[in-house]
PDB file of N, CA and C in Angstrom:
ATOM      1  N   MET A   1     -24.043  -7.063  -5.411  1.00  0.00           N
ATOM      2  CA  MET A   1     -22.904  -6.496  -4.731  1.00  0.00           C
ATOM      3  C   MET A   1     -21.730  -7.462  -4.861  1.00  0.00           C
ATOM      4  N   LYS A   2     -20.600  -6.955  -5.330  1.00  0.00           N
ATOM      5  CA  LYS A   2     -19.391  -7.758  -5.462  1.00  0.00           C
ATOM      6  C   LYS A   2     -18.438  -7.413  -4.323  1.00  0.00           C
ATOM      7  N   ILE A   3     -17.899  -8.463  -3.711  1.00  0.00           N
ATOM      8  CA  ILE A   3     -16.880  -8.285  -2.685  1.00  0.00           C
ATOM      9  C   ILE A   3     -15.615  -8.967  -3.179  1.00  0.00           C
ATOM     10  N   LYS A   4     -14.512  -8.249  -3.077  1.00  0.00           N
ATOM     11  CA  LYS A   4     -13.228  -8.761  -3.539  1.00  0.00           C
ATOM     12  C   LYS A   4     -12.218  -8.648  -2.405  1.00  0.00           C
ATOM     13  N   SER A   5     -11.213  -9.493  -2.430  1.00  0.00           N
ATOM     14  CA  SER A   5     -10.165  -9.403  -1.411  1.00  0.00           C
ATOM     15  C   SER A   5      -8.809  -9.657  -2.048  1.00  0.00           C
ATOM     16  N   GLY A   6      -7.794  -9.168  -1.388  1.00  0.00           N
ATOM     17  CA  GLY A   6      -6.424  -9.370  -1.847  1.00  0.00           C
ATOM     18  C   GLY A   6      -5.485  -9.308  -0.662  1.00  0.00           C
ATOM     19  N   CYS A   7      -4.378 -10.027  -0.773  1.00  0.00           N
ATOM     20  CA  CYS A   7      -3.403 -10.105   0.316  1.00  0.00           C
ATOM     21  C   CYS A   7      -2.008 -10.086  -0.300  1.00  0.00           C
ATOM     22  N   ASP A   8      -1.065  -9.476   0.391  1.00  0.00           N
ATOM     23  CA  ASP A   8       0.316  -9.494  -0.078  1.00  0.00           C
ATOM     24  C   ASP A   8       1.251  -9.461   1.130  1.00  0.00           C
ATOM     25  N   ILE A   9       2.396 -10.097   0.966  1.00  0.00           N
ATOM     26  CA  ILE A   9       3.420 -10.122   2.011  1.00  0.00           C
ATOM     27  C   ILE A   9       4.750  -9.688   1.393  1.00  0.00           C
ATOM     28  N   VAL A  10       5.505  -8.881   2.125  1.00  0.00           N
ATOM     29  CA  VAL A  10       6.776  -8.353   1.628  1.00  0.00           C
ATOM     30  C   VAL A  10       7.840  -8.573   2.697  1.00  0.00           C
ATOM     31  N   LYS A  11       8.986  -9.068   2.265  1.00  0.00           N
ATOM     32  CA  LYS A  11      10.123  -9.175   3.174  1.00  0.00           C
ATOM     33  C   LYS A  11      10.721  -7.781   3.347  1.00  0.00           C
ATOM     34  N   ILE A  12      10.769  -7.313   4.573  1.00  0.00           N
ATOM     35  CA  ILE A  12      11.163  -5.937   4.872  1.00  0.00           C
ATOM     36  C   ILE A  12      12.565  -5.622   4.347  1.00  0.00           C
ATOM     37  N   SER A  13      13.480  -6.551   4.424  1.00  0.00           N
ATOM     38  CA  SER A  13      14.854  -6.301   3.978  1.00  0.00           C
ATOM     39  C   SER A  13      14.943  -5.994   2.480  1.00  0.00           C
ATOM     40  N   ARG A  14      13.941  -6.379   1.704  1.00  0.00           N
ATOM     41  CA  ARG A  14      13.923  -6.068   0.259  1.00  0.00           C
ATOM     42  C   ARG A  14      13.847  -4.567   0.010  1.00  0.00           C
ATOM     43  N   MET A  15      13.298  -3.834   0.963  1.00  0.00           N
ATOM     44  CA  MET A  15      13.095  -2.401   0.769  1.00  0.00           C
ATOM     45  C   MET A  15      14.400  -1.624   0.709  1.00  0.00           C
ATOM     46  N   GLU A  16      15.441  -2.110   1.369  1.00  0.00           N
ATOM     47  CA  GLU A  16      16.716  -1.394   1.328  1.00  0.00           C
ATOM     48  C   GLU A  16      17.221  -1.296  -0.111  1.00  0.00           C
ATOM     49  N   GLY A  17      17.242  -2.404  -0.821  1.00  0.00           N
ATOM     50  CA  GLY A  17      17.657  -2.398  -2.225  1.00  0.00           C
ATOM     51  C   GLY A  17      16.698  -1.603  -3.093  1.00  0.00           C
ATOM     52  N   PHE A  18      15.419  -1.676  -2.778  1.00  0.00           N
ATOM     53  CA  PHE A  18      14.393  -0.933  -3.509  1.00  0.00           C
ATOM     54  C   PHE A  18      14.654   0.571  -3.383  1.00  0.00           C
ATOM     55  N   PHE A  19      15.003   1.027  -2.181  1.00  0.00           N
ATOM     56  CA  PHE A  19      15.315   2.446  -1.957  1.00  0.00           C
ATOM     57  C   PHE A  19      16.551   2.840  -2.767  1.00  0.00           C
ATOM     58  N   GLU A  20      17.573   1.977  -2.728  1.00  0.00           N
ATOM     59  CA  GLU A  20      18.831   2.268  -3.428  1.00  0.00           C
ATOM     60  C   GLU A  20      18.626   2.413  -4.933  1.00  0.00           C
ATOM     61  N   LYS A  21      17.616   1.766  -5.469  1.00  0.00           N
ATOM     62  CA  LYS A  21      17.321   1.829  -6.910  1.00  0.00           C
ATOM     63  C   LYS A  21      16.311   2.923  -7.245  1.00  0.00           C
ATOM     64  N   GLY A  22      16.038   3.819  -6.305  1.00  0.00           N
ATOM     65  CA  GLY A  22      15.130   4.934  -6.554  1.00  0.00           C
ATOM     66  C   GLY A  22      13.664   4.616  -6.360  1.00  0.00           C
ATOM     67  N   GLY A  23      13.358   3.487  -5.740  1.00  0.00           N
ATOM     68  CA  GLY A  23      11.979   3.063  -5.567  1.00  0.00           C
ATOM     69  C   GLY A  23      11.143   3.978  -4.701  1.00  0.00           C
ATOM     70  N   LEU A  24      11.773   4.658  -3.757  1.00  0.00           N
ATOM     71  CA  LEU A  24      11.019   5.535  -2.870  1.00  0.00           C
ATOM     72  C   LEU A  24      10.298   6.621  -3.671  1.00  0.00           C
ATOM     73  N   LYS A  25      11.011   7.257  -4.587  1.00  0.00           N
ATOM     74  CA  LYS A  25      10.400   8.344  -5.374  1.00  0.00           C
ATOM     75  C   LYS A  25       9.576   7.805  -6.540  1.00  0.00           C
ATOM     76  N   ARG A  26       9.928   6.669  -7.042  1.00  0.00           N
ATOM     77  CA  ARG A  26       9.248   6.100  -8.217  1.00  0.00           C
ATOM     78  C   ARG A  26       7.910   5.453  -7.854  1.00  0.00           C
ATOM     79  N   PHE A  27       7.824   4.814  -6.707  1.00  0.00           N
ATOM     80  CA  PHE A  27       6.666   4.000  -6.364  1.00  0.00           C
ATOM     81  C   PHE A  27       5.705   4.675  -5.390  1.00  0.00           C
ATOM     82  N   PHE A  28       6.234   5.484  -4.486  1.00  0.00           N
ATOM     83  CA  PHE A  28       5.426   6.081  -3.432  1.00  0.00           C
ATOM     84  C   PHE A  28       5.106   7.544  -3.749  1.00  0.00           C
ATOM     85  N   THR A  29       3.929   8.006  -3.288  1.00  0.00           N
ATOM     86  CA  THR A  29       3.588   9.413  -3.457  1.00  0.00           C
ATOM     87  C   THR A  29       4.487  10.258  -2.556  1.00  0.00           C
ATOM     88  N   GLU A  30       4.464  11.553  -2.771  1.00  0.00           N
ATOM     89  CA  GLU A  30       5.272  12.446  -1.943  1.00  0.00           C
ATOM     90  C   GLU A  30       4.876  12.341  -0.473  1.00  0.00           C
ATOM     91  N   ASN A  31       3.559  12.308  -0.212  1.00  0.00           N
ATOM     92  CA  ASN A  31       3.085  12.177   1.183  1.00  0.00           C
ATOM     93  C   ASN A  31       3.534  10.857   1.799  1.00  0.00           C
ATOM     94  N   GLU A  32       3.445   9.770   1.041  1.00  0.00           N
ATOM     95  CA  GLU A  32       3.890   8.471   1.549  1.00  0.00           C
ATOM     96  C   GLU A  32       5.378   8.506   1.849  1.00  0.00           C
ATOM     97  N   GLY A  33       6.158   9.096   0.947  1.00  0.00           N
ATOM     98  CA  GLY A  33       7.607   9.189   1.152  1.00  0.00           C
ATOM     99  C   GLY A  33       7.955   9.935   2.426  1.00  0.00           C
ATOM    100  N   GLU A  34       7.262  11.051   2.667  1.00  0.00           N
ATOM    101  CA  GLU A  34       7.498  11.818   3.894  1.00  0.00           C
ATOM    102  C   GLU A  34       7.126  10.996   5.126  1.00  0.00           C
ATOM    103  N   TYR A  35       6.000  10.299   5.049  1.00  0.00           N
ATOM    104  CA  TYR A  35       5.552   9.469   6.170  1.00  0.00           C
ATOM    105  C   TYR A  35       6.566   8.353   6.440  1.00  0.00           C
ATOM    106  N   ILE A  36       7.009   7.680   5.392  1.00  0.00           N
ATOM    107  CA  ILE A  36       7.974   6.585   5.516  1.00  0.00           C
ATOM    108  C   ILE A  36       9.261   7.076   6.173  1.00  0.00           C
ATOM    109  N   LEU A  37       9.793   8.189   5.686  1.00  0.00           N
ATOM    110  CA  LEU A  37      11.062   8.696   6.202  1.00  0.00           C
ATOM    111  C   LEU A  37      10.953   9.264   7.613  1.00  0.00           C
ATOM    112  N   SER A  38       9.730   9.539   8.078  1.00  0.00           N
ATOM    113  CA  SER A  38       9.548  10.056   9.436  1.00  0.00           C
ATOM    114  C   SER A  38       9.538   8.942  10.484  1.00  0.00           C
ATOM    115  N   LYS A  39       9.505   7.704  10.041  1.00  0.00           N
ATOM    116  CA  LYS A  39       9.383   6.567  10.954  1.00  0.00           C
ATOM    117  C   LYS A  39      10.746   6.062  11.421  1.00  0.00           C
ATOM    118  N   ARG A  40      10.731   5.459  12.608  1.00  0.00           N
ATOM    119  CA  ARG A  40      11.954   4.890  13.194  1.00  0.00           C
ATOM    120  C   ARG A  40      12.540   3.801  12.291  1.00  0.00           C
ATOM    121  N   ASN A  41      11.670   2.995  11.682  1.00  0.00           N
ATOM    122  CA  ASN A  41      12.108   1.939  10.770  1.00  0.00           C
ATOM    123  C   ASN A  41      11.438   2.161   9.411  1.00  0.00           C
ATOM    124  N   PRO A  42      12.042   3.016   8.564  1.00  0.00           N
ATOM    125  CA  PRO A  42      11.396   3.346   7.287  1.00  0.00           C
ATOM    126  C   PRO A  42      11.211   2.147   6.362  1.00  0.00           C
ATOM    127  N   TYR A  43      12.103   1.169   6.418  1.00  0.00           N
ATOM    128  CA  TYR A  43      11.963  -0.001   5.544  1.00  0.00           C
ATOM    129  C   TYR A  43      10.725  -0.817   5.914  1.00  0.00           C
ATOM    130  N   GLU A  44      10.461  -0.937   7.199  1.00  0.00           N
ATOM    131  CA  GLU A  44       9.279  -1.662   7.667  1.00  0.00           C
ATOM    132  C   GLU A  44       8.000  -0.957   7.193  1.00  0.00           C
ATOM    133  N   THR A  45       7.971   0.353   7.346  1.00  0.00           N
ATOM    134  CA  THR A  45       6.806   1.133   6.927  1.00  0.00           C
ATOM    135  C   THR A  45       6.612   1.052   5.422  1.00  0.00           C
ATOM    136  N   ALA A  46       7.705   1.187   4.669  1.00  0.00           N
ATOM    137  CA  ALA A  46       7.624   1.109   3.209  1.00  0.00           C
ATOM    138  C   ALA A  46       7.124  -0.258   2.760  1.00  0.00           C
ATOM    139  N   ALA A  47       7.590  -1.310   3.418  1.00  0.00           N
ATOM    140  CA  ALA A  47       7.154  -2.661   3.052  1.00  0.00           C
ATOM    141  C   ALA A  47       5.654  -2.818   3.259  1.00  0.00           C
ATOM    142  N   GLY A  48       5.130  -2.251   4.337  1.00  0.00           N
ATOM    143  CA  GLY A  48       3.693  -2.327   4.603  1.00  0.00           C
ATOM    144  C   GLY A  48       2.881  -1.594   3.547  1.00  0.00           C
ATOM    145  N   ILE A  49       3.326  -0.408   3.172  1.00  0.00           N
ATOM    146  CA  ILE A  49       2.613   0.368   2.150  1.00  0.00           C
ATOM    147  C   ILE A  49       2.729  -0.307   0.789  1.00  0.00           C
ATOM    148  N   PHE A  50       3.898  -0.835   0.483  1.00  0.00           N
ATOM    149  CA  PHE A  50       4.090  -1.567  -0.770  1.00  0.00           C
ATOM    150  C   PHE A  50       3.132  -2.763  -0.827  1.00  0.00           C
ATOM    151  N   ALA A  51       3.070  -3.522   0.259  1.00  0.00           N
ATOM    152  CA  ALA A  51       2.181  -4.686   0.321  1.00  0.00           C
ATOM    153  C   ALA A  51       0.717  -4.264   0.171  1.00  0.00           C
ATOM    154  N   ALA A  52       0.356  -3.109   0.738  1.00  0.00           N
ATOM    155  CA  ALA A  52      -1.022  -2.624   0.639  1.00  0.00           C
ATOM    156  C   ALA A  52      -1.410  -2.367  -0.809  1.00  0.00           C
ATOM    157  N   LYS A  53      -0.517  -1.723  -1.556  1.00  0.00           N
ATOM    158  CA  LYS A  53      -0.813  -1.433  -2.955  1.00  0.00           C
ATOM    159  C   LYS A  53      -0.894  -2.721  -3.781  1.00  0.00           C
ATOM    160  N   GLU A  54      -0.006  -3.655  -3.503  1.00  0.00           N
ATOM    161  CA  GLU A  54      -0.041  -4.952  -4.189  1.00  0.00           C
ATOM    162  C   GLU A  54      -1.336  -5.697  -3.856  1.00  0.00           C
ATOM    163  N   ALA A  55      -1.743  -5.679  -2.598  1.00  0.00           N
ATOM    164  CA  ALA A  55      -2.968  -6.367  -2.184  1.00  0.00           C
ATOM    165  C   ALA A  55      -4.186  -5.761  -2.870  1.00  0.00           C
ATOM    166  N   LEU A  56      -4.194  -4.447  -3.017  1.00  0.00           N
ATOM    167  CA  LEU A  56      -5.301  -3.793  -3.712  1.00  0.00           C
ATOM    168  C   LEU A  56      -5.343  -4.223  -5.178  1.00  0.00           C
ATOM    169  N   GLY A  57      -4.188  -4.258  -5.810  1.00  0.00           N
ATOM    170  CA  GLY A  57      -4.133  -4.718  -7.201  1.00  0.00           C
ATOM    171  C   GLY A  57      -4.661  -6.130  -7.350  1.00  0.00           C
ATOM    172  N   LYS A  58      -4.321  -6.986  -6.427  1.00  0.00           N
ATOM    173  CA  LYS A  58      -4.809  -8.373  -6.453  1.00  0.00           C
ATOM    174  C   LYS A  58      -6.315  -8.427  -6.220  1.00  0.00           C
ATOM    175  N   ALA A  59      -6.811  -7.619  -5.296  1.00  0.00           N
ATOM    176  CA  ALA A  59      -8.250  -7.602  -5.022  1.00  0.00           C
ATOM    177  C   ALA A  59      -9.034  -7.176  -6.255  1.00  0.00           C
ATOM    178  N   MET A  60      -8.493  -6.250  -7.005  1.00  0.00           N
ATOM    179  CA  MET A  60      -9.182  -5.743  -8.180  1.00  0.00           C
ATOM    180  C   MET A  60      -8.996  -6.649  -9.399  1.00  0.00           C
ATOM    181  N   GLY A  61      -8.187  -7.692  -9.233  1.00  0.00           N
ATOM    182  CA  GLY A  61      -7.989  -8.643 -10.319  1.00  0.00           C
ATOM    183  C   GLY A  61      -7.194  -8.078 -11.474  1.00  0.00           C
ATOM    184  N   LYS A  62      -6.501  -6.992 -11.221  1.00  0.00           N
ATOM    185  CA  LYS A  62      -5.754  -6.331 -12.285  1.00  0.00           C
ATOM    186  C   LYS A  62      -4.252  -6.427 -12.087  1.00  0.00           C
ATOM    187  N   GLY A  63      -3.844  -6.576 -10.869  1.00  0.00           N
ATOM    188  CA  GLY A  63      -2.422  -6.530 -10.566  1.00  0.00           C
ATOM    189  C   GLY A  63      -1.956  -5.088 -10.539  1.00  0.00           C
ATOM    190  N   LEU A  64      -0.895  -4.858  -9.865  1.00  0.00           N
ATOM    191  CA  LEU A  64      -0.387  -3.501  -9.692  1.00  0.00           C
ATOM    192  C   LEU A  64       0.139  -2.912 -10.996  1.00  0.00           C
ATOM    193  N   SER A  65       0.536  -3.740 -11.919  1.00  0.00           N
ATOM    194  CA  SER A  65       1.094  -3.230 -13.169  1.00  0.00           C
ATOM    195  C   SER A  65       0.038  -2.593 -14.069  1.00  0.00           C
ATOM    196  N   SER A  66      -1.239  -2.750 -13.743  1.00  0.00           N
ATOM    197  CA  SER A  66      -2.290  -2.219 -14.608  1.00  0.00           C
ATOM    198  C   SER A  66      -2.699  -0.776 -14.263  1.00  0.00           C
ATOM    199  N   PHE A  67      -2.115  -0.203 -13.207  1.00  0.00           N
ATOM    200  CA  PHE A  67      -2.382   1.193 -12.873  1.00  0.00           C
ATOM    201  C   PHE A  67      -1.157   1.760 -12.165  1.00  0.00           C
ATOM    202  N   PRO A  68      -0.910   3.069 -12.317  1.00  0.00           N
ATOM    203  CA  PRO A  68       0.268   3.669 -11.675  1.00  0.00           C
ATOM    204  C   PRO A  68       0.180   3.604 -10.149  1.00  0.00           C
ATOM    205  N   ALA A  69       1.256   3.187  -9.522  1.00  0.00           N
ATOM    206  CA  ALA A  69       1.295   3.058  -8.060  1.00  0.00           C
ATOM    207  C   ALA A  69       1.012   4.389  -7.377  1.00  0.00           C
ATOM    208  N   LYS A  70       1.357   5.486  -8.012  1.00  0.00           N
ATOM    209  CA  LYS A  70       1.137   6.796  -7.395  1.00  0.00           C
ATOM    210  C   LYS A  70      -0.319   7.254  -7.513  1.00  0.00           C
ATOM    211  N   ASP A  71      -1.159   6.511  -8.246  1.00  0.00           N
ATOM    212  CA  ASP A  71      -2.592   6.807  -8.289  1.00  0.00           C
ATOM    213  C   ASP A  71      -3.297   6.284  -7.044  1.00  0.00           C
ATOM    214  N   ILE A  72      -2.546   5.570  -6.210  1.00  0.00           N
ATOM    215  CA  ILE A  72      -3.061   5.022  -4.959  1.00  0.00           C
ATOM    216  C   ILE A  72      -2.188   5.579  -3.850  1.00  0.00           C
ATOM    217  N   GLU A  73      -2.816   6.129  -2.833  1.00  0.00           N
ATOM    218  CA  GLU A  73      -2.038   6.643  -1.707  1.00  0.00           C
ATOM    219  C   GLU A  73      -2.525   5.989  -0.419  1.00  0.00           C
ATOM    220  N   VAL A  74      -1.595   5.464   0.349  1.00  0.00           N
ATOM    221  CA  VAL A  74      -1.922   4.909   1.657  1.00  0.00           C
ATOM    222  C   VAL A  74      -1.745   6.036   2.672  1.00  0.00           C
ATOM    223  N   CYS A  75      -2.822   6.334   3.372  1.00  0.00           N
ATOM    224  CA  CYS A  75      -2.835   7.386   4.386  1.00  0.00           C
ATOM    225  C   CYS A  75      -3.097   6.736   5.744  1.00  0.00           C
ATOM    226  N   HIS A  76      -3.027   7.532   6.783  1.00  0.00           N
ATOM    227  CA  HIS A  76      -3.289   7.035   8.134  1.00  0.00           C
ATOM    228  C   HIS A  76      -4.153   8.048   8.871  1.00  0.00           C
ATOM    229  N   ASN A  77      -5.183   7.547   9.557  1.00  0.00           N
ATOM    230  CA  ASN A  77      -6.054   8.454  10.304  1.00  0.00           C
ATOM    231  C   ASN A  77      -5.390   8.858  11.617  1.00  0.00           C
ATOM    232  N   GLU A  78      -6.115   9.616  12.449  1.00  0.00           N
ATOM    233  CA  GLU A  78      -5.546  10.147  13.686  1.00  0.00           C
ATOM    234  C   GLU A  78      -5.106   9.071  14.676  1.00  0.00           C
ATOM    235  N   THR A  79      -5.658   7.862  14.565  1.00  0.00           N
ATOM    236  CA  THR A  79      -5.235   6.781  15.464  1.00  0.00           C
ATOM    237  C   THR A  79      -4.160   5.897  14.831  1.00  0.00           C
ATOM    238  N   GLY A  80      -3.781   6.216  13.590  1.00  0.00           N
ATOM    239  CA  GLY A  80      -2.739   5.458  12.905  1.00  0.00           C
ATOM    240  C   GLY A  80      -3.256   4.368  11.987  1.00  0.00           C
ATOM    241  N   ALA A  81      -4.575   4.179  11.922  1.00  0.00           N
ATOM    242  CA  ALA A  81      -5.138   3.141  11.054  1.00  0.00           C
ATOM    243  C   ALA A  81      -4.957   3.524   9.586  1.00  0.00           C
ATOM    244  N   PRO A  82      -4.504   2.582   8.757  1.00  0.00           N
ATOM    245  CA  PRO A  82      -4.287   2.897   7.343  1.00  0.00           C
ATOM    246  C   PRO A  82      -5.587   2.872   6.542  1.00  0.00           C
ATOM    247  N   TYR A  83      -5.601   3.685   5.509  1.00  0.00           N
ATOM    248  CA  TYR A  83      -6.707   3.678   4.549  1.00  0.00           C
ATOM    249  C   TYR A  83      -6.166   4.163   3.201  1.00  0.00           C
ATOM    250  N   PHE A  84      -6.919   3.899   2.144  1.00  0.00           N
ATOM    251  CA  PHE A  84      -6.521   4.317   0.807  1.00  0.00           C
ATOM    252  C   PHE A  84      -7.151   5.653   0.443  1.00  0.00           C
ATOM    253  N   SER A  85      -6.408   6.427  -0.312  1.00  0.00           N
ATOM    254  CA  SER A  85      -6.909   7.626  -0.971  1.00  0.00           C
ATOM    255  C   SER A  85      -6.546   7.458  -2.447  1.00  0.00           C
ATOM    256  N   PHE A  86      -7.399   7.962  -3.323  1.00  0.00           N
ATOM    257  CA  PHE A  86      -7.176   7.794  -4.758  1.00  0.00           C
ATOM    258  C   PHE A  86      -7.130   9.161  -5.436  1.00  0.00           C
ATOM    259  N   PRO A  87      -5.965   9.826  -5.400  1.00  0.00           N
ATOM    260  CA  PRO A  87      -5.850  11.161  -6.000  1.00  0.00           C
ATOM    261  C   PRO A  87      -6.275  11.193  -7.470  1.00  0.00           C
ATOM    262  N   GLY A  88      -6.069  10.099  -8.193  1.00  0.00           N
ATOM    263  CA  GLY A  88      -6.418  10.048  -9.610  1.00  0.00           C
ATOM    264  C   GLY A  88      -7.838   9.576  -9.868  1.00  0.00           C
ATOM    265  N   GLY A  89      -8.625   9.311  -8.812  1.00  0.00           N
ATOM    266  CA  GLY A  89     -10.001   8.883  -8.984  1.00  0.00           C
ATOM    267  C   GLY A  89     -10.177   7.401  -9.269  1.00  0.00           C
ATOM    268  N   VAL A  90      -9.088   6.650  -9.240  1.00  0.00           N
ATOM    269  CA  VAL A  90      -9.164   5.212  -9.480  1.00  0.00           C
ATOM    270  C   VAL A  90      -9.934   4.554  -8.332  1.00  0.00           C
ATOM    271  N   PHE A  91     -10.800   3.638  -8.636  1.00  0.00           N
ATOM    272  CA  PHE A  91     -11.549   2.848  -7.646  1.00  0.00           C
ATOM    273  C   PHE A  91     -12.516   3.670  -6.800  1.00  0.00           C
ATOM    274  N   ASP A  92     -12.982   4.786  -7.300  1.00  0.00           N
ATOM    275  CA  ASP A  92     -13.956   5.587  -6.558  1.00  0.00           C
ATOM    276  C   ASP A  92     -15.288   4.857  -6.364  1.00  0.00           C
ATOM    277  N   ASN A  93     -15.539   3.833  -7.171  1.00  0.00           N
ATOM    278  CA  ASN A  93     -16.800   3.090  -7.064  1.00  0.00           C
ATOM    279  C   ASN A  93     -16.685   1.891  -6.118  1.00  0.00           C
ATOM    280  N   PHE A  94     -15.697   1.912  -5.230  1.00  0.00           N
ATOM    281  CA  PHE A  94     -15.504   0.836  -4.265  1.00  0.00           C
ATOM    282  C   PHE A  94     -15.351   1.407  -2.860  1.00  0.00           C
ATOM    283  N   GLU A  95     -15.871   0.685  -1.889  1.00  0.00           N
ATOM    284  CA  GLU A  95     -15.611   0.924  -0.474  1.00  0.00           C
ATOM    285  C   GLU A  95     -14.507  -0.059  -0.106  1.00  0.00           C
ATOM    286  N   ILE A  96     -13.380   0.435   0.373  1.00  0.00           N
ATOM    287  CA  ILE A  96     -12.215  -0.427   0.557  1.00  0.00           C
ATOM    288  C   ILE A  96     -11.693  -0.355   1.984  1.00  0.00           C
ATOM    289  N   SER A  97     -11.483  -1.528   2.580  1.00  0.00           N
ATOM    290  CA  SER A  97     -10.881  -1.629   3.905  1.00  0.00           C
ATOM    291  C   SER A  97      -9.460  -2.159   3.757  1.00  0.00           C
ATOM    292  N   LEU A  98      -8.572  -1.648   4.584  1.00  0.00           N
ATOM    293  CA  LEU A  98      -7.161  -2.017   4.514  1.00  0.00           C
ATOM    294  C   LEU A  98      -6.637  -2.332   5.907  1.00  0.00           C
ATOM    295  N   SER A  99      -5.874  -3.403   6.001  1.00  0.00           N
ATOM    296  CA  SER A  99      -5.180  -3.740   7.236  1.00  0.00           C
ATOM    297  C   SER A  99      -3.725  -4.043   6.892  1.00  0.00           C
ATOM    298  N   ILE A 100      -2.805  -3.477   7.659  1.00  0.00           N
ATOM    299  CA  ILE A 100      -1.369  -3.712   7.474  1.00  0.00           C
ATOM    300  C   ILE A 100      -0.812  -4.226   8.793  1.00  0.00           C
ATOM    301  N   SER A 101       0.041  -5.245   8.714  1.00  0.00           N
ATOM    302  CA  SER A 101       0.659  -5.796   9.911  1.00  0.00           C
ATOM    303  C   SER A 101       2.136  -6.060   9.646  1.00  0.00           C
ATOM    304  N   HIS A 102       2.940  -5.947  10.685  1.00  0.00           N
ATOM    305  CA  HIS A 102       4.380  -6.221  10.607  1.00  0.00           C
ATOM    306  C   HIS A 102       4.729  -7.225  11.694  1.00  0.00           C
ATOM    307  N   ASP A 103       5.603  -8.174  11.340  1.00  0.00           N
ATOM    308  CA  ASP A 103       6.089  -9.120  12.337  1.00  0.00           C
ATOM    309  C   ASP A 103       7.445  -9.634  11.885  1.00  0.00           C
ATOM    310  N   GLY A 104       8.424  -9.415  12.714  1.00  0.00           N
ATOM    311  CA  GLY A 104       9.763  -9.900  12.386  1.00  0.00           C
ATOM    312  C   GLY A 104      10.261  -9.332  11.074  1.00  0.00           C
ATOM    313  N   GLU A 105      10.503 -10.214  10.117  1.00  0.00           N
ATOM    314  CA  GLU A 105      11.091  -9.820   8.832  1.00  0.00           C
ATOM    315  C   GLU A 105      10.057  -9.483   7.766  1.00  0.00           C
ATOM    316  N   TYR A 106       8.772  -9.511   8.100  1.00  0.00           N
ATOM    317  CA  TYR A 106       7.739  -9.387   7.075  1.00  0.00           C
ATOM    318  C   TYR A 106       6.697  -8.321   7.391  1.00  0.00           C
ATOM    319  N   ALA A 107       6.133  -7.772   6.316  1.00  0.00           N
ATOM    320  CA  ALA A 107       4.972  -6.887   6.393  1.00  0.00           C
ATOM    321  C   ALA A 107       3.888  -7.536   5.537  1.00  0.00           C
ATOM    322  N   LEU A 108       2.662  -7.477   6.021  1.00  0.00           N
ATOM    323  CA  LEU A 108       1.533  -8.099   5.344  1.00  0.00           C
ATOM    324  C   LEU A 108       0.410  -7.078   5.234  1.00  0.00           C
ATOM    325  N   ALA A 109      -0.290  -7.096   4.106  1.00  0.00           N
ATOM    326  CA  ALA A 109      -1.453  -6.229   3.941  1.00  0.00           C
ATOM    327  C   ALA A 109      -2.622  -7.069   3.422  1.00  0.00           C
ATOM    328  N   PHE A 110      -3.810  -6.723   3.903  1.00  0.00           N
ATOM    329  CA  PHE A 110      -5.030  -7.412   3.479  1.00  0.00           C
ATOM    330  C   PHE A 110      -6.063  -6.346   3.113  1.00  0.00           C
ATOM    331  N   VAL A 111      -6.713  -6.544   1.970  1.00  0.00           N
ATOM    332  CA  VAL A 111      -7.690  -5.604   1.458  1.00  0.00           C
ATOM    333  C   VAL A 111      -9.003  -6.298   1.211  1.00  0.00           C
ATOM    334  N   VAL A 112     -10.098  -5.651   1.579  1.00  0.00           N
ATOM    335  CA  VAL A 112     -11.445  -6.098   1.230  1.00  0.00           C
ATOM    336  C   VAL A 112     -12.109  -4.914   0.523  1.00  0.00           C
ATOM    337  N   ALA A 113     -12.644  -5.173  -0.662  1.00  0.00           N
ATOM    338  CA  ALA A 113     -13.290  -4.122  -1.457  1.00  0.00           C
ATOM    339  C   ALA A 113     -14.716  -4.542  -1.793  1.00  0.00           C
ATOM    340  N   ARG A 114     -15.614  -3.565  -1.639  1.00  0.00           N
ATOM    341  CA  ARG A 114     -17.022  -3.810  -1.964  1.00  0.00           C
ATOM    342  C   ARG A 114     -17.442  -2.777  -2.995  1.00  0.00           C
ATOM    343  N   GLU A 115     -17.948  -3.265  -4.123  1.00  0.00           N
ATOM    344  CA  GLU A 115     -18.424  -2.373  -5.172  1.00  0.00           C
ATOM    345  C   GLU A 115     -19.685  -1.656  -4.710  1.00  0.00           C
ATOM    346  N   ILE A 116     -19.722  -0.330  -4.899  1.00  0.00           N
ATOM    347  CA  ILE A 116     -20.903   0.447  -4.497  1.00  0.00           C
ATOM    348  C   ILE A 116     -21.585   1.057  -5.704  1.00  0.00           C
TER     349      ILE A 116
END
């Protein structure tokens, strides 16, 4: 059994420029975009989801550039806890836990993946 982990931190203020350059539609799925825009602080939410995808790429040892960001979707259960969904079937052979946190100017995501 292989266990992998990854962590990423994003400065929330970076998301404003990212949005202005079309990053919302380019990087996030339609569902993620709707979720982000429904929040009181969309930049904070976007930074957390961005960090989650980066952390997953690091955990898999591939980096985010090795697979399309839209092949990974960050969802939230009924209590608001984040989890990954893989519409494209990427990483179906892994059990993956995700934690996202925000504090001040930063959003942080931590991923633990176990090969099944």
